[in-house]
Amino acid sequence: MFLENCATVSQGVILSRIQTLPGPDAKSIPLYTMKEFNESLGLSYHGRTEKLQEIHVLKEKIEDLPVAKEGMVLINLTAHKAVLVRSEHTGKIITSNFVIISPKSNLNPLYFEWFFNEHPDCHKQLRIAIQGSIVSALSIQMLRSIQLKLPSLKEQELMGNIYRLTYDKKRLTNERLQLEEQLTNYLLLRFLKEEPN
């Protein structure tokens, strides 16, 4: 089944089209950026410091903006990764470097995240789609035509939950290793300071 048959596929907004100057008719709204995306993947964000974390938008335009909601899956067009929107990221404006997947009732969002990120068939479709292009960015039309394998909703939910638990375990293990490394460095530095000359 094609993705467009089991989800609404749309693109985030181009900021230059909606951004305005601060004023009484404008409201400040936070942006969903690569920082939030990488946090959702369990990665620390080492990219350049993003200066634009929120923008001012005319109040009358806010209702029409693509805003992050729970249950949505976002795909980064250049990283070729998908993440489920986390609750702490809801309400942020989704920019044009993300495609928004809003699953219909026959697609579990966690299952889709797993399928897009891990399934060999999906990887093959993505490779074919960007073959020969100079920039390896995905197109929204290509994403709509991804063919999915859809087991029953109950099986999708089970698979999605297994994926999430495995992923959470990996993320927590990495966090623990980073904390152990920080502790070791702290103790070694402290030892060095206390060492008599």
Protein backbone atom coordinates (compact mmCIF):
# COMPACT_ATOMS: atom_id res chain seq x y z
CA MET A 1 0.00 0.00 0.00
CA PHE A 2 1.27 3.49 -0.82
CA LEU A 3 1.94 5.88 2.05
CA GLU A 4 -0.52 8.42 0.62
CA ASN A 5 -3.29 5.82 1.08
CA CYS A 6 -2.71 5.54 4.82
CA ALA A 7 -1.44 8.99 5.80
CA THR A 8 -1.70 12.65 4.90
CA VAL A 9 1.69 13.75 3.60
CA SER A 10 2.47 17.48 3.65
CA GLN A 11 5.48 19.76 3.92
CA GLY A 12 6.41 22.24 6.61
CA VAL A 13 6.22 25.96 5.99
CA ILE A 14 8.84 28.21 4.37
CA LEU A 15 9.69 30.70 7.12
CA SER A 16 10.19 33.70 4.84
CA ARG A 17 6.54 33.41 3.81
CA ILE A 18 5.14 33.75 7.33
CA GLN A 19 7.71 35.64 9.37
CA THR A 20 6.91 39.21 10.40
CA LEU A 21 8.27 41.85 12.75
CA PRO A 22 7.28 41.93 16.44
CA GLY A 23 4.21 44.02 17.10
CA PRO A 24 0.68 44.03 18.52
CA ASP A 25 -0.67 41.99 15.56
CA ALA A 26 2.08 39.36 15.84
CA LYS A 27 2.72 36.44 18.16
CA SER A 28 6.02 34.72 18.94
CA ILE A 29 5.90 30.98 18.18
CA PRO A 30 8.70 28.40 18.74
CA LEU A 31 10.14 26.42 15.85
CA TYR A 32 10.69 22.68 15.48
CA THR A 33 14.37 22.48 14.48
CA MET A 34 17.11 19.89 13.97
CA LYS A 35 17.81 20.19 17.70
CA GLU A 36 14.37 18.75 18.56
CA PHE A 37 14.65 16.23 15.74
CA ASN A 38 17.99 14.91 16.98
CA GLU A 39 16.77 14.83 20.59
CA SER A 40 13.90 12.63 19.40
CA LEU A 41 16.43 10.34 17.72
CA GLY A 42 18.40 10.17 20.96
CA LEU A 43 21.33 12.10 19.50
CA SER A 44 23.00 15.17 20.90
CA TYR A 45 22.94 18.07 18.48
CA HIS A 46 26.45 19.16 17.49
CA GLY A 47 25.45 21.34 14.53
CA ARG A 48 25.88 25.06 14.36
CA THR A 49 24.03 27.05 16.99
CA GLU A 50 20.61 27.79 15.64
CA LYS A 51 19.87 31.46 16.10
CA LEU A 52 16.25 31.25 15.02
CA GLN A 53 14.40 29.27 17.70
CA GLU A 54 11.15 31.20 17.39
CA ILE A 55 9.61 33.64 14.97
CA HIS A 56 6.91 36.29 14.96
CA VAL A 57 3.81 35.48 12.93
CA LEU A 58 0.70 37.53 12.28
CA LYS A 59 -2.03 36.30 14.65
CA GLU A 60 -4.46 35.85 11.75
CA LYS A 61 -2.06 33.37 10.04
CA ILE A 62 -1.37 31.14 13.05
CA GLU A 63 -4.41 28.93 12.52
CA ASP A 64 -3.15 27.84 9.08
CA LEU A 65 0.39 26.94 10.13
CA PRO A 66 1.72 23.36 10.33
CA VAL A 67 2.22 22.82 14.05
CA ALA A 68 3.74 19.72 15.70
CA LYS A 69 1.15 17.44 17.31
CA GLU A 70 1.36 14.10 19.08
CA GLY A 71 0.81 11.22 16.67
CA MET A 72 2.58 13.00 13.80
CA VAL A 73 5.74 11.60 12.30
CA LEU A 74 8.28 14.04 10.85
CA ILE A 75 10.75 13.09 8.13
CA ASN A 76 13.87 15.15 7.60
CA LEU A 77 14.34 15.52 3.85
CA THR A 78 18.15 15.44 3.94
CA ALA A 79 18.83 13.12 6.90
CA HIS A 80 16.31 10.53 5.57
CA LYS A 81 15.12 9.75 9.10
CA ALA A 82 11.66 9.76 10.66
CA VAL A 83 10.67 10.57 14.25
CA LEU A 84 7.42 10.58 16.15
CA VAL A 85 6.67 14.04 17.60
CA ARG A 86 7.35 13.98 21.34
CA SER A 87 4.90 15.64 23.73
CA GLU A 88 7.43 18.31 24.76
CA HIS A 89 7.74 19.41 21.12
CA THR A 90 4.03 19.91 20.41
CA GLY A 91 2.93 23.39 19.40
CA LYS A 92 6.13 24.22 17.50
CA ILE A 93 5.99 25.37 13.89
CA ILE A 94 7.27 22.75 11.45
CA THR A 95 9.63 24.21 8.87
CA SER A 96 10.05 23.25 5.20
CA ASN A 97 12.99 20.90 5.77
CA PHE A 98 10.52 18.43 7.30
CA VAL A 99 7.69 16.43 5.78
CA ILE A 100 4.68 15.84 8.03
CA ILE A 101 3.15 12.38 8.08
CA SER A 102 -0.29 12.35 9.73
CA PRO A 103 -1.29 8.67 9.89
CA LYS A 104 -4.87 7.64 9.17
CA SER A 105 -6.63 4.98 11.23
CA ASN A 106 -4.93 2.08 9.38
CA LEU A 107 -1.33 3.15 10.20
CA ASN A 108 0.34 3.14 13.61
CA PRO A 109 2.83 6.07 13.83
CA LEU A 110 5.47 4.09 15.76
CA TYR A 111 5.25 1.28 13.23
CA PHE A 112 5.75 3.79 10.42
CA GLU A 113 8.76 5.30 12.22
CA TRP A 114 10.30 1.82 12.45
CA PHE A 115 9.44 0.94 8.84
CA PHE A 116 10.91 4.16 7.45
CA ASN A 117 14.07 4.08 9.58
CA GLU A 118 14.85 0.36 9.61
CA HIS A 119 13.07 -1.72 6.95
CA PRO A 120 15.35 -2.82 4.05
CA ASP A 121 12.52 -2.41 1.49
CA CYS A 122 12.08 1.22 2.49
CA HIS A 123 15.84 1.84 2.35
CA LYS A 124 15.91 0.37 -1.16
CA GLN A 125 13.04 2.63 -2.28
CA LEU A 126 14.82 5.68 -0.86
CA ARG A 127 18.12 4.75 -2.55
CA ILE A 128 16.39 4.35 -5.92
CA ALA A 129 14.54 7.66 -5.47
CA ILE A 130 17.70 9.72 -4.95
CA GLN A 131 19.91 7.78 -7.37
CA GLY A 132 21.58 10.08 -9.85
CA SER A 133 20.57 13.31 -8.12
CA ILE A 134 23.27 15.70 -6.98
CA VAL A 135 21.48 16.61 -3.75
CA SER A 136 20.29 13.58 -1.83
CA ALA A 137 17.13 15.29 -0.59
CA LEU A 138 13.85 13.40 -0.78
CA SER A 139 10.83 14.85 -2.53
CA ILE A 140 7.36 14.95 -1.06
CA GLN A 141 5.97 13.16 -4.13
CA MET A 142 8.51 10.36 -3.70
CA LEU A 143 7.51 9.97 -0.06
CA ARG A 144 3.81 9.74 -0.96
CA SER A 145 4.62 6.81 -3.26
CA ILE A 146 6.60 4.76 -0.69
CA GLN A 147 5.15 1.28 -0.59
CA LEU A 148 4.45 0.03 2.92
CA LYS A 149 3.94 -3.44 4.26
CA LEU A 150 0.95 -3.13 6.57
CA PRO A 151 0.23 -5.93 9.00
CA SER A 152 -2.86 -5.65 11.22
CA LEU A 153 -3.10 -2.62 13.52
CA LYS A 154 -2.53 -4.86 16.55
CA GLU A 155 0.69 -6.21 15.00
CA GLN A 156 1.76 -2.70 13.98
CA GLU A 157 1.28 -1.50 17.55
CA LEU A 158 3.26 -4.44 18.94
CA MET A 159 6.11 -3.92 16.47
CA GLY A 160 6.14 -0.17 17.08
CA ASN A 161 6.28 -0.65 20.85
CA ILE A 162 9.12 -3.19 20.56
CA TYR A 163 11.02 -0.72 18.35
CA ARG A 164 10.45 2.14 20.81
CA LEU A 165 11.53 0.05 23.85
CA THR A 166 14.69 -1.15 22.07
CA TYR A 167 15.42 2.38 20.95
CA ASP A 168 14.84 3.80 24.47
CA LYS A 169 17.18 1.15 25.92
CA LYS A 170 19.89 2.13 23.43
CA ARG A 171 19.42 5.84 24.21
CA LEU A 172 19.55 5.26 27.99
CA THR A 173 22.63 3.05 27.65
CA ASN A 174 24.38 5.81 25.67
CA GLU A 175 23.38 8.39 28.29
CA ARG A 176 24.75 6.16 31.06
CA LEU A 177 28.06 5.73 29.22
CA GLN A 178 28.35 9.51 28.75
CA LEU A 179 27.65 10.09 32.45
CA GLU A 180 30.23 7.47 33.44
CA GLU A 181 32.78 9.16 31.18
CA GLN A 182 32.02 12.57 32.70
CA LEU A 183 32.32 11.15 36.22
CA THR A 184 35.64 9.50 35.40
CA ASN A 185 37.03 12.75 33.97
CA TYR A 186 35.76 14.72 36.98
CA LEU A 187 37.40 12.27 39.42
CA LEU A 188 40.69 12.28 37.51
CA LEU A 189 40.78 16.08 37.41
CA ARG A 190 39.97 16.25 41.11
CA PHE A 191 42.70 13.71 41.87
CA LEU A 192 45.18 15.80 39.87
CA LYS A 193 44.29 18.95 41.84
CA GLU A 194 44.71 17.19 45.16
CA GLU A 195 48.01 15.60 44.18
CA PRO A 196 50.89 17.37 46.04
CA ASN A 197 53.52 18.94 43.78
